[in-house]
Amino acid sequence: MISGIVFDIQKLCVHDGPGIRTTVFLKGCSLRCFWCHNPESLKHKRELMFFSEKCIQCKQCMASCTEGVHTLENGVHKLERTKCKACGACVSQCMTKALSMAGVTMTVNEVIDEVMKDVEFYKMSNGGVTFSGGEALLQIDFLEAVLAACKQNNLHVAIETAGNVEWQNFERILPYVDLFLYDIKMIDPIKHKQYVGADNTRCLSNVERLIKGENNVIVRVPVIPSINDNDNEIEAITHFVKSINKETPVELLPFHKMGQTKYESLALDYEAQHLEAPSQETMERLNVITSKK
C-alpha cells in the first residue's frame, strides 16, 4: 500500500482554487524560501514541535519519553532534539498541546476518506481538493496514486507547486490535475538562488511547458518586502508569463508573518521577522501591472 507523509489537512479552504476545498499538505521541499510560512513542511520526515507558551511543566512528557529528550533546567523546559526519534509518545501525554507532531504517515485510502467527508461542500460550490506542501510533487509515487483516486471519485483537483522537480513528475500527474497554482518568486536565477536556495531554471522551464501544453495554470507570486515588491520584479514575472500565453492569470499574494511561532516551535531562526506585510497601496500598484496583457 502506497503511503505518504502529510503534515496537515485543512477543511473549508477558499483560497486554494475554485469553490470550497480541502487542502492536503505534504512534507518535503526542494526550496528554502526564508519567508516560508510552513517551516514544518521543509523536511521529508516527522518532526516534534514545541510551543513553550502552552507548557505548564506537568512533566508528563519527561515521564513518557525513553530517550531523555525533555529536561527541566532552572524552570525552563528544554528539548534535546538530536535524541528525538519522533515517536510521538510525549505528544500523546501533553494535555495542553504544547507538543505536537508535524507529519503523519497516511495511505491513499486514508487521505481519500478524509477528503470525501466534505464532498457535499465541493458539489454546492464547484470546489474540490488541493494538494500543497512543501512541494507535493516530491512525493510523486504517493501523489500520483492519490490523484488517481481523487479522479475515481470525480473530484476537482488542484496542485500548488513551485515546480522545482523533474518534468517527468509533472507528466505522471497531468491526466489527473484540473488546475496548477504555480508559484514564481522572481525571474533572475542568481537572485532566486540567493533568496530561495536554488536557481529557477527548472521552475521556469516547467511552467512554460505546462502553459504551452494548454494546462490550466494560475501563476501566483508571493510579494516579499525588499525582495520582489517593486515594479521591475513584478513586470519581469508578468512579461515572462504573458509572453507564453497572455491569457494566463498572474495573482499576487502579500507576505504575512503567520508562521513565526512555528519556527520557534522547531527551534529555527525566522529570518523574515524584520519584514512587514506590504501595504495596500503597494499591492494595488503591483496588481495594476499584472492586469496588463
C-alpha atoms as a PDB file:
ATOM      1  CA  MET A   1       0.000   0.000   0.000  1.00  0.00           C
ATOM      2  CA  ILE A   2       1.477   3.356  -1.054  1.00  0.00           C
ATOM      3  CA  SER A   3       1.706   5.924   1.726  1.00  0.00           C
ATOM      4  CA  GLY A   4       2.925   9.493   2.110  1.00  0.00           C
ATOM      5  CA  ILE A   5       3.822  11.922   4.863  1.00  0.00           C
ATOM      6  CA  VAL A   6       1.103  14.524   5.417  1.00  0.00           C
ATOM      7  CA  PHE A   7       1.571  17.400   7.852  1.00  0.00           C
ATOM      8  CA  ASP A   8      -1.873  18.967   7.679  1.00  0.00           C
ATOM      9  CA  ILE A   9      -5.324  18.631   6.125  1.00  0.00           C
ATOM     10  CA  GLN A  10      -7.303  21.866   6.184  1.00  0.00           C
ATOM     11  CA  LYS A  11     -11.037  21.950   5.558  1.00  0.00           C
ATOM     12  CA  LEU A  12     -13.301  24.645   4.107  1.00  0.00           C
ATOM     13  CA  CYS A  13     -10.467  26.443   2.271  1.00  0.00           C
ATOM     14  CA  VAL A  14     -11.436  29.176  -0.194  1.00  0.00           C
ATOM     15  CA  HIS A  15      -8.043  30.494  -1.386  1.00  0.00           C
ATOM     16  CA  ASP A  16      -6.522  27.334  -2.861  1.00  0.00           C
ATOM     17  CA  GLY A  17      -8.562  27.052  -6.028  1.00  0.00           C
ATOM     18  CA  PRO A  18     -12.229  27.466  -7.004  1.00  0.00           C
ATOM     19  CA  GLY A  19     -15.064  26.888  -4.561  1.00  0.00           C
ATOM     20  CA  ILE A  20     -14.826  25.311  -1.117  1.00  0.00           C
ATOM     21  CA  ARG A  21     -11.861  22.962  -0.889  1.00  0.00           C
ATOM     22  CA  THR A  22      -9.900  20.613   1.310  1.00  0.00           C
ATOM     23  CA  THR A  23      -6.162  21.261   1.165  1.00  0.00           C
ATOM     24  CA  VAL A  24      -3.776  18.386   1.823  1.00  0.00           C
ATOM     25  CA  PHE A  25      -0.238  19.429   2.762  1.00  0.00           C
ATOM     26  CA  LEU A  26       2.619  17.019   2.031  1.00  0.00           C
ATOM     27  CA  LYS A  27       6.016  17.211   3.749  1.00  0.00           C
ATOM     28  CA  GLY A  28       9.279  17.877   1.942  1.00  0.00           C
ATOM     29  CA  CYS A  29      10.511  20.802  -0.140  1.00  0.00           C
ATOM     30  CA  SER A  30      13.426  21.377  -2.535  1.00  0.00           C
ATOM     31  CA  LEU A  31      13.495  25.143  -1.923  1.00  0.00           C
ATOM     32  CA  ARG A  32      14.352  27.181   1.156  1.00  0.00           C
ATOM     33  CA  CYS A  33      12.464  30.478   0.928  1.00  0.00           C
ATOM     34  CA  PHE A  34      13.461  32.390   4.065  1.00  0.00           C
ATOM     35  CA  TRP A  35       9.926  33.762   4.405  1.00  0.00           C
ATOM     36  CA  CYS A  36       8.210  30.349   4.193  1.00  0.00           C
ATOM     37  CA  HIS A  37       5.178  30.245   6.492  1.00  0.00           C
ATOM     38  CA  ASN A  38       5.188  26.428   6.683  1.00  0.00           C
ATOM     39  CA  PRO A  39       8.632  25.553   8.115  1.00  0.00           C
ATOM     40  CA  GLU A  40       7.252  22.205   9.261  1.00  0.00           C
ATOM     41  CA  SER A  41       6.895  21.313   5.572  1.00  0.00           C
ATOM     42  CA  LEU A  42      10.576  21.541   4.654  1.00  0.00           C
ATOM     43  CA  LYS A  43      11.904  18.162   5.810  1.00  0.00           C
ATOM     44  CA  HIS A  44      10.561  14.880   4.493  1.00  0.00           C
ATOM     45  CA  LYS A  45      10.207  13.343   7.934  1.00  0.00           C
ATOM     46  CA  ARG A  46       8.168  13.621  11.127  1.00  0.00           C
ATOM     47  CA  GLU A  47       9.252  16.419  13.479  1.00  0.00           C
ATOM     48  CA  LEU A  48       8.423  17.351  17.060  1.00  0.00           C
ATOM     49  CA  MET A  49       7.048  20.860  17.562  1.00  0.00           C
ATOM     50  CA  PHE A  50       7.123  22.545  20.989  1.00  0.00           C
ATOM     51  CA  PHE A  51       5.024  25.621  21.751  1.00  0.00           C
ATOM     52  CA  SER A  52       6.610  26.782  25.005  1.00  0.00           C
ATOM     53  CA  GLU A  53       3.877  29.302  25.844  1.00  0.00           C
ATOM     54  CA  LYS A  54       1.412  26.419  26.256  1.00  0.00           C
ATOM     55  CA  CYS A  55       3.629  24.356  28.578  1.00  0.00           C
ATOM     56  CA  ILE A  56       2.502  24.095  32.223  1.00  0.00           C
ATOM     57  CA  GLN A  57       5.519  21.946  33.192  1.00  0.00           C
ATOM     58  CA  CYS A  58       3.449  18.981  34.267  1.00  0.00           C
ATOM     59  CA  LYS A  59       6.426  16.709  33.376  1.00  0.00           C
ATOM     60  CA  GLN A  60       4.244  14.081  31.713  1.00  0.00           C
ATOM     61  CA  CYS A  61       6.386  14.333  28.584  1.00  0.00           C
ATOM     62  CA  MET A  62       9.511  13.571  30.620  1.00  0.00           C
ATOM     63  CA  ALA A  63       7.902  10.512  32.144  1.00  0.00           C
ATOM     64  CA  SER A  64       6.771   9.166  28.773  1.00  0.00           C
ATOM     65  CA  CYS A  65       9.978   9.792  26.797  1.00  0.00           C
ATOM     66  CA  THR A  66      12.535   6.957  26.882  1.00  0.00           C
ATOM     67  CA  GLU A  67      15.212   8.964  25.032  1.00  0.00           C
ATOM     68  CA  GLY A  68      15.711  11.819  27.500  1.00  0.00           C
ATOM     69  CA  VAL A  69      14.559  14.468  25.041  1.00  0.00           C
ATOM     70  CA  HIS A  70      12.764  16.602  27.641  1.00  0.00           C
ATOM     71  CA  THR A  71      14.513  18.274  30.573  1.00  0.00           C
ATOM     72  CA  LEU A  72      13.625  20.998  33.046  1.00  0.00           C
ATOM     73  CA  GLU A  73      16.547  23.339  33.789  1.00  0.00           C
ATOM     74  CA  ASN A  74      16.107  26.291  36.132  1.00  0.00           C
ATOM     75  CA  GLY A  75      12.380  26.259  35.486  1.00  0.00           C
ATOM     76  CA  VAL A  76      12.788  26.138  31.698  1.00  0.00           C
ATOM     77  CA  HIS A  77      11.543  23.217  29.609  1.00  0.00           C
ATOM     78  CA  LYS A  78      14.280  22.280  27.130  1.00  0.00           C
ATOM     79  CA  LEU A  79      14.441  19.736  24.318  1.00  0.00           C
ATOM     80  CA  GLU A  80      17.432  17.668  23.245  1.00  0.00           C
ATOM     81  CA  ARG A  81      16.226  17.414  19.651  1.00  0.00           C
ATOM     82  CA  THR A  82      19.138  15.286  18.475  1.00  0.00           C
ATOM     83  CA  LYS A  83      17.823  12.500  20.716  1.00  0.00           C
ATOM     84  CA  CYS A  84      14.256  12.690  19.425  1.00  0.00           C
ATOM     85  CA  LYS A  85      13.023   9.727  17.352  1.00  0.00           C
ATOM     86  CA  ALA A  86       9.680  11.410  16.601  1.00  0.00           C
ATOM     87  CA  CYS A  87       7.781   8.519  18.171  1.00  0.00           C
ATOM     88  CA  GLY A  88       5.031  10.824  19.452  1.00  0.00           C
ATOM     89  CA  ALA A  89       4.833   9.304  22.958  1.00  0.00           C
ATOM     90  CA  CYS A  90       5.263  12.695  24.609  1.00  0.00           C
ATOM     91  CA  VAL A  91       2.690  14.296  22.320  1.00  0.00           C
ATOM     92  CA  SER A  92       0.019  11.848  23.417  1.00  0.00           C
ATOM     93  CA  GLN A  93       0.646  12.783  27.070  1.00  0.00           C
ATOM     94  CA  CYS A  94       0.628  16.582  26.605  1.00  0.00           C
ATOM     95  CA  MET A  95      -2.730  17.818  27.877  1.00  0.00           C
ATOM     96  CA  THR A  96      -2.172  21.445  26.811  1.00  0.00           C
ATOM     97  CA  LYS A  97      -0.990  20.575  23.283  1.00  0.00           C
ATOM     98  CA  ALA A  98       2.330  22.314  23.856  1.00  0.00           C
ATOM     99  CA  LEU A  99       3.786  19.375  21.953  1.00  0.00           C
ATOM    100  CA  SER A 100       2.633  18.261  18.535  1.00  0.00           C
ATOM    101  CA  MET A 101       3.966  16.093  15.758  1.00  0.00           C
ATOM    102  CA  ALA A 102       4.427  17.631  12.307  1.00  0.00           C
ATOM    103  CA  GLY A 103       3.841  14.801   9.896  1.00  0.00           C
ATOM    104  CA  VAL A 104       1.797  11.627   9.890  1.00  0.00           C
ATOM    105  CA  THR A 105       2.088   8.678   7.530  1.00  0.00           C
ATOM    106  CA  MET A 106      -1.166   8.171   5.625  1.00  0.00           C
ATOM    107  CA  THR A 107      -2.282   5.728   2.964  1.00  0.00           C
ATOM    108  CA  VAL A 108      -4.097   6.785  -0.182  1.00  0.00           C
ATOM    109  CA  ASN A 109      -7.366   5.429   1.195  1.00  0.00           C
ATOM    110  CA  GLU A 110      -6.942   7.318   4.464  1.00  0.00           C
ATOM    111  CA  VAL A 111      -6.484  10.607   2.618  1.00  0.00           C
ATOM    112  CA  ILE A 112      -9.440   9.934   0.332  1.00  0.00           C
ATOM    113  CA  ASP A 113     -11.657   9.003   3.282  1.00  0.00           C
ATOM    114  CA  GLU A 114     -10.822  12.332   4.934  1.00  0.00           C
ATOM    115  CA  VAL A 115     -11.287  14.362   1.759  1.00  0.00           C
ATOM    116  CA  MET A 116     -14.637  12.750   0.918  1.00  0.00           C
ATOM    117  CA  LYS A 117     -16.161  13.828   4.245  1.00  0.00           C
ATOM    118  CA  ASP A 118     -16.781  17.268   2.679  1.00  0.00           C
ATOM    119  CA  VAL A 119     -17.888  16.159  -0.770  1.00  0.00           C
ATOM    120  CA  GLU A 120     -21.240  17.945  -0.423  1.00  0.00           C
ATOM    121  CA  PHE A 121     -19.423  21.268   0.051  1.00  0.00           C
ATOM    122  CA  TYR A 122     -17.478  20.623  -3.152  1.00  0.00           C
ATOM    123  CA  LYS A 123     -20.660  19.895  -5.063  1.00  0.00           C
ATOM    124  CA  MET A 124     -22.508  23.000  -3.912  1.00  0.00           C
ATOM    125  CA  SER A 125     -19.561  25.360  -4.611  1.00  0.00           C
ATOM    126  CA  ASN A 126     -17.788  23.711  -7.569  1.00  0.00           C
ATOM    127  CA  GLY A 127     -14.883  23.091  -5.232  1.00  0.00           C
ATOM    128  CA  GLY A 128     -12.612  20.126  -4.683  1.00  0.00           C
ATOM    129  CA  VAL A 129      -9.266  19.098  -3.247  1.00  0.00           C
ATOM    130  CA  THR A 130      -5.891  20.856  -3.436  1.00  0.00           C
ATOM    131  CA  PHE A 131      -2.512  19.266  -2.767  1.00  0.00           C
ATOM    132  CA  SER A 132       0.160  21.568  -1.399  1.00  0.00           C
ATOM    133  CA  GLY A 133       3.320  21.455   0.694  1.00  0.00           C
ATOM    134  CA  GLY A 134       6.203  21.862   0.904  1.00  0.00           C
ATOM    135  CA  GLU A 135       6.440  20.582  -2.648  1.00  0.00           C
ATOM    136  CA  ALA A 136       3.806  17.944  -3.243  1.00  0.00           C
ATOM    137  CA  LEU A 137       5.484  16.645  -6.412  1.00  0.00           C
ATOM    138  CA  LEU A 138       8.483  15.409  -4.425  1.00  0.00           C
ATOM    139  CA  GLN A 139       6.277  12.589  -3.073  1.00  0.00           C
ATOM    140  CA  ILE A 140       5.433  11.671  -6.647  1.00  0.00           C
ATOM    141  CA  ASP A 141       4.522   7.984  -6.188  1.00  0.00           C
ATOM    142  CA  PHE A 142       2.073   8.805  -3.406  1.00  0.00           C
ATOM    143  CA  LEU A 143       0.777  11.914  -5.172  1.00  0.00           C
ATOM    144  CA  GLU A 144       0.115  10.079  -8.431  1.00  0.00           C
ATOM    145  CA  ALA A 145      -1.787   7.351  -6.606  1.00  0.00           C
ATOM    146  CA  VAL A 146      -3.899   9.698  -4.503  1.00  0.00           C
ATOM    147  CA  LEU A 147      -4.714  11.916  -7.505  1.00  0.00           C
ATOM    148  CA  ALA A 148      -5.884   8.892  -9.470  1.00  0.00           C
ATOM    149  CA  ALA A 149      -8.141   8.007  -6.536  1.00  0.00           C
ATOM    150  CA  CYS A 150      -9.482  11.579  -6.469  1.00  0.00           C
ATOM    151  CA  LYS A 151     -10.448  11.299 -10.125  1.00  0.00           C
ATOM    152  CA  GLN A 152     -12.143   7.971  -9.494  1.00  0.00           C
ATOM    153  CA  ASN A 153     -14.291   9.923  -7.043  1.00  0.00           C
ATOM    154  CA  ASN A 154     -14.956  12.702  -9.592  1.00  0.00           C
ATOM    155  CA  LEU A 155     -13.168  15.374  -7.565  1.00  0.00           C
ATOM    156  CA  HIS A 156     -11.787  18.612  -8.976  1.00  0.00           C
ATOM    157  CA  VAL A 157      -8.029  18.525  -8.319  1.00  0.00           C
ATOM    158  CA  ALA A 158      -5.622  21.447  -7.929  1.00  0.00           C
ATOM    159  CA  ILE A 159      -1.889  21.344  -7.254  1.00  0.00           C
ATOM    160  CA  GLU A 160       0.137  24.083  -5.558  1.00  0.00           C
ATOM    161  CA  THR A 161       3.730  23.869  -6.764  1.00  0.00           C
ATOM    162  CA  ALA A 162       6.924  25.868  -7.236  1.00  0.00           C
ATOM    163  CA  GLY A 163       7.959  23.471  -9.983  1.00  0.00           C
ATOM    164  CA  ASN A 164      11.482  22.654  -8.803  1.00  0.00           C
ATOM    165  CA  VAL A 165      11.212  18.986  -9.776  1.00  0.00           C
ATOM    166  CA  GLU A 166      11.935  16.893 -12.853  1.00  0.00           C
ATOM    167  CA  TRP A 167       9.465  17.387 -15.714  1.00  0.00           C
ATOM    168  CA  GLN A 168       8.760  13.651 -15.610  1.00  0.00           C
ATOM    169  CA  ASN A 169       7.000  14.196 -12.281  1.00  0.00           C
ATOM    170  CA  PHE A 170       4.563  16.596 -13.947  1.00  0.00           C
ATOM    171  CA  GLU A 171       3.984  14.178 -16.821  1.00  0.00           C
ATOM    172  CA  ARG A 172       2.887  11.482 -14.386  1.00  0.00           C
ATOM    173  CA  ILE A 173       0.108  13.598 -12.859  1.00  0.00           C
ATOM    174  CA  LEU A 174      -1.120  15.619 -15.860  1.00  0.00           C
ATOM    175  CA  PRO A 175      -4.071  13.272 -16.526  1.00  0.00           C
ATOM    176  CA  TYR A 176      -5.454  13.906 -13.038  1.00  0.00           C
ATOM    177  CA  VAL A 177      -4.957  17.649 -12.471  1.00  0.00           C
ATOM    178  CA  ASP A 178      -7.568  20.286 -13.320  1.00  0.00           C
ATOM    179  CA  LEU A 179      -5.604  23.321 -12.118  1.00  0.00           C
ATOM    180  CA  PHE A 180      -1.993  24.192 -11.333  1.00  0.00           C
ATOM    181  CA  LEU A 181      -1.396  27.019  -8.855  1.00  0.00           C
ATOM    182  CA  TYR A 182       2.202  27.769  -9.794  1.00  0.00           C
ATOM    183  CA  ASP A 183       4.445  29.910  -7.589  1.00  0.00           C
ATOM    184  CA  ILE A 184       7.015  32.177  -9.242  1.00  0.00           C
ATOM    185  CA  LYS A 185       9.120  34.235  -6.847  1.00  0.00           C
ATOM    186  CA  MET A 186      11.389  36.112  -9.261  1.00  0.00           C
ATOM    187  CA  ILE A 187      12.926  35.805 -12.724  1.00  0.00           C
ATOM    188  CA  ASP A 188      16.629  36.427 -12.110  1.00  0.00           C
ATOM    189  CA  PRO A 189      18.246  32.990 -11.425  1.00  0.00           C
ATOM    190  CA  ILE A 190      21.095  34.406  -9.319  1.00  0.00           C
ATOM    191  CA  LYS A 191      18.749  36.374  -7.086  1.00  0.00           C
ATOM    192  CA  HIS A 192      16.429  33.384  -6.914  1.00  0.00           C
ATOM    193  CA  LYS A 193      19.271  31.167  -5.669  1.00  0.00           C
ATOM    194  CA  GLN A 194      20.301  33.815  -3.125  1.00  0.00           C
ATOM    195  CA  TYR A 195      16.884  34.058  -1.504  1.00  0.00           C
ATOM    196  CA  VAL A 196      15.304  30.690  -2.317  1.00  0.00           C
ATOM    197  CA  GLY A 197      18.262  28.305  -2.196  1.00  0.00           C
ATOM    198  CA  ALA A 198      18.229  27.152  -5.835  1.00  0.00           C
ATOM    199  CA  ASP A 199      18.213  28.806  -9.227  1.00  0.00           C
ATOM    200  CA  ASN A 200      14.910  28.861 -11.087  1.00  0.00           C
ATOM    201  CA  THR A 201      15.881  27.363 -14.449  1.00  0.00           C
ATOM    202  CA  ARG A 202      13.825  24.236 -13.885  1.00  0.00           C
ATOM    203  CA  CYS A 203      10.955  26.162 -12.278  1.00  0.00           C
ATOM    204  CA  LEU A 204      10.542  28.476 -15.269  1.00  0.00           C
ATOM    205  CA  SER A 205      11.028  25.708 -17.821  1.00  0.00           C
ATOM    206  CA  ASN A 206       8.320  23.574 -16.230  1.00  0.00           C
ATOM    207  CA  VAL A 207       5.729  26.336 -16.030  1.00  0.00           C
ATOM    208  CA  GLU A 208       6.395  27.205 -19.669  1.00  0.00           C
ATOM    209  CA  ARG A 209       5.796  23.602 -20.682  1.00  0.00           C
ATOM    210  CA  LEU A 210       2.614  23.465 -18.631  1.00  0.00           C
ATOM    211  CA  ILE A 211       1.209  26.609 -20.204  1.00  0.00           C
ATOM    212  CA  LYS A 212       2.222  25.664 -23.750  1.00  0.00           C
ATOM    213  CA  GLY A 213       0.662  22.263 -23.174  1.00  0.00           C
ATOM    214  CA  GLU A 214      -2.677  24.048 -22.629  1.00  0.00           C
ATOM    215  CA  ASN A 215      -2.942  23.007 -18.996  1.00  0.00           C
ATOM    216  CA  ASN A 216      -4.976  25.240 -16.697  1.00  0.00           C
ATOM    217  CA  VAL A 217      -2.390  27.372 -14.855  1.00  0.00           C
ATOM    218  CA  ILE A 218      -2.644  30.323 -12.480  1.00  0.00           C
ATOM    219  CA  VAL A 219       0.716  31.896 -11.666  1.00  0.00           C
ATOM    220  CA  ARG A 220       0.913  33.158  -8.097  1.00  0.00           C
ATOM    221  CA  VAL A 221       3.599  35.499  -6.799  1.00  0.00           C
ATOM    222  CA  PRO A 222       4.312  35.892  -3.076  1.00  0.00           C
ATOM    223  CA  VAL A 223       5.062  39.599  -2.635  1.00  0.00           C
ATOM    224  CA  ILE A 224       8.017  39.828  -0.245  1.00  0.00           C
ATOM    225  CA  PRO A 225       9.108  43.276   1.031  1.00  0.00           C
ATOM    226  CA  SER A 226      12.609  44.293  -0.135  1.00  0.00           C
ATOM    227  CA  ILE A 227      12.825  41.190  -2.348  1.00  0.00           C
ATOM    228  CA  ASN A 228      10.264  41.481  -5.136  1.00  0.00           C
ATOM    229  CA  ASP A 229       7.787  44.166  -4.018  1.00  0.00           C
ATOM    230  CA  ASN A 230       8.754  46.571  -6.789  1.00  0.00           C
ATOM    231  CA  ASP A 231       7.583  47.350 -10.293  1.00  0.00           C
ATOM    232  CA  ASN A 232      10.620  45.867 -12.045  1.00  0.00           C
ATOM    233  CA  GLU A 233      10.312  42.444 -10.425  1.00  0.00           C
ATOM    234  CA  ILE A 234       6.566  42.142 -10.960  1.00  0.00           C
ATOM    235  CA  GLU A 235       6.861  43.449 -14.522  1.00  0.00           C
ATOM    236  CA  ALA A 236       9.535  40.841 -15.285  1.00  0.00           C
ATOM    237  CA  ILE A 237       7.366  37.997 -13.987  1.00  0.00           C
ATOM    238  CA  THR A 238       4.271  39.282 -15.762  1.00  0.00           C
ATOM    239  CA  HIS A 239       6.156  39.726 -19.046  1.00  0.00           C
ATOM    240  CA  PHE A 240       7.556  36.188 -18.815  1.00  0.00           C
ATOM    241  CA  VAL A 241       4.113  34.657 -18.235  1.00  0.00           C
ATOM    242  CA  LYS A 242       2.219  36.774 -20.775  1.00  0.00           C
ATOM    243  CA  SER A 243       4.856  36.109 -23.443  1.00  0.00           C
ATOM    244  CA  ILE A 244       3.925  32.429 -23.193  1.00  0.00           C
ATOM    245  CA  ASN A 245       0.172  32.998 -23.096  1.00  0.00           C
ATOM    246  CA  LYS A 246      -1.363  36.411 -22.468  1.00  0.00           C
ATOM    247  CA  GLU A 247      -4.488  34.769 -21.008  1.00  0.00           C
ATOM    248  CA  THR A 248      -2.638  33.084 -18.122  1.00  0.00           C
ATOM    249  CA  PRO A 249      -3.584  34.884 -14.885  1.00  0.00           C
ATOM    250  CA  VAL A 250      -0.914  36.288 -12.548  1.00  0.00           C
ATOM    251  CA  GLU A 251      -2.061  36.688  -8.942  1.00  0.00           C
ATOM    252  CA  LEU A 252      -0.184  38.425  -6.132  1.00  0.00           C
ATOM    253  CA  LEU A 253      -0.125  37.075  -2.562  1.00  0.00           C
ATOM    254  CA  PRO A 254       1.032  39.506   0.147  1.00  0.00           C
ATOM    255  CA  PHE A 255       3.640  38.324   2.642  1.00  0.00           C
ATOM    256  CA  HIS A 256       2.475  37.716   6.211  1.00  0.00           C
ATOM    257  CA  LYS A 257       4.087  36.573   9.466  1.00  0.00           C
ATOM    258  CA  MET A 258       1.635  33.833  10.365  1.00  0.00           C
ATOM    259  CA  GLY A 259       4.381  31.206  10.535  1.00  0.00           C
ATOM    260  CA  GLN A 260       6.620  32.867  13.127  1.00  0.00           C
ATOM    261  CA  THR A 261       5.536  30.761  16.118  1.00  0.00           C
ATOM    262  CA  LYS A 262       6.082  27.582  14.103  1.00  0.00           C
ATOM    263  CA  TYR A 263       9.735  28.492  13.585  1.00  0.00           C
ATOM    264  CA  GLU A 264      10.086  28.904  17.343  1.00  0.00           C
ATOM    265  CA  SER A 265       8.400  25.535  17.914  1.00  0.00           C
ATOM    266  CA  LEU A 266      11.034  23.859  15.721  1.00  0.00           C
ATOM    267  CA  ALA A 267      13.959  25.832  17.200  1.00  0.00           C
ATOM    268  CA  LEU A 268      14.588  27.505  13.836  1.00  0.00           C
ATOM    269  CA  ASP A 269      15.634  31.081  13.142  1.00  0.00           C
ATOM    270  CA  TYR A 270      12.888  33.126  11.490  1.00  0.00           C
ATOM    271  CA  GLU A 271      14.844  35.258   9.034  1.00  0.00           C
ATOM    272  CA  ALA A 272      11.773  37.184   7.899  1.00  0.00           C
ATOM    273  CA  GLN A 273      10.868  38.534  11.332  1.00  0.00           C
ATOM    274  CA  HIS A 274      12.070  42.029  10.367  1.00  0.00           C
ATOM    275  CA  LEU A 275       9.670  42.213   7.427  1.00  0.00           C
ATOM    276  CA  GLU A 276       6.195  43.722   7.484  1.00  0.00           C
ATOM    277  CA  ALA A 277       3.287  42.923   5.203  1.00  0.00           C
ATOM    278  CA  PRO A 278       3.225  45.040   2.028  1.00  0.00           C
ATOM    279  CA  SER A 279       0.855  47.989   2.225  1.00  0.00           C
ATOM    280  CA  GLN A 280      -2.494  48.040   0.471  1.00  0.00           C
ATOM    281  CA  GLU A 281      -1.154  50.840  -1.713  1.00  0.00           C
ATOM    282  CA  THR A 282       1.785  48.678  -2.803  1.00  0.00           C
ATOM    283  CA  MET A 283      -0.452  45.721  -3.593  1.00  0.00           C
ATOM    284  CA  GLU A 284      -2.852  47.890  -5.601  1.00  0.00           C
ATOM    285  CA  ARG A 285       0.017  49.372  -7.612  1.00  0.00           C
ATOM    286  CA  LEU A 286       1.531  45.986  -8.393  1.00  0.00           C
ATOM    287  CA  ASN A 287      -1.847  44.472  -9.256  1.00  0.00           C
ATOM    288  CA  VAL A 288      -2.214  47.071 -11.996  1.00  0.00           C
ATOM    289  CA  ILE A 289       0.948  45.635 -13.581  1.00  0.00           C
ATOM    290  CA  THR A 290      -0.272  42.029 -13.522  1.00  0.00           C
ATOM    291  CA  SER A 291      -3.623  43.010 -15.057  1.00  0.00           C
ATOM    292  CA  LYS A 292      -1.975  44.262 -18.263  1.00  0.00           C
ATOM    293  CA  LYS A 293      -1.811  41.949 -21.269  1.00  0.00           C
END
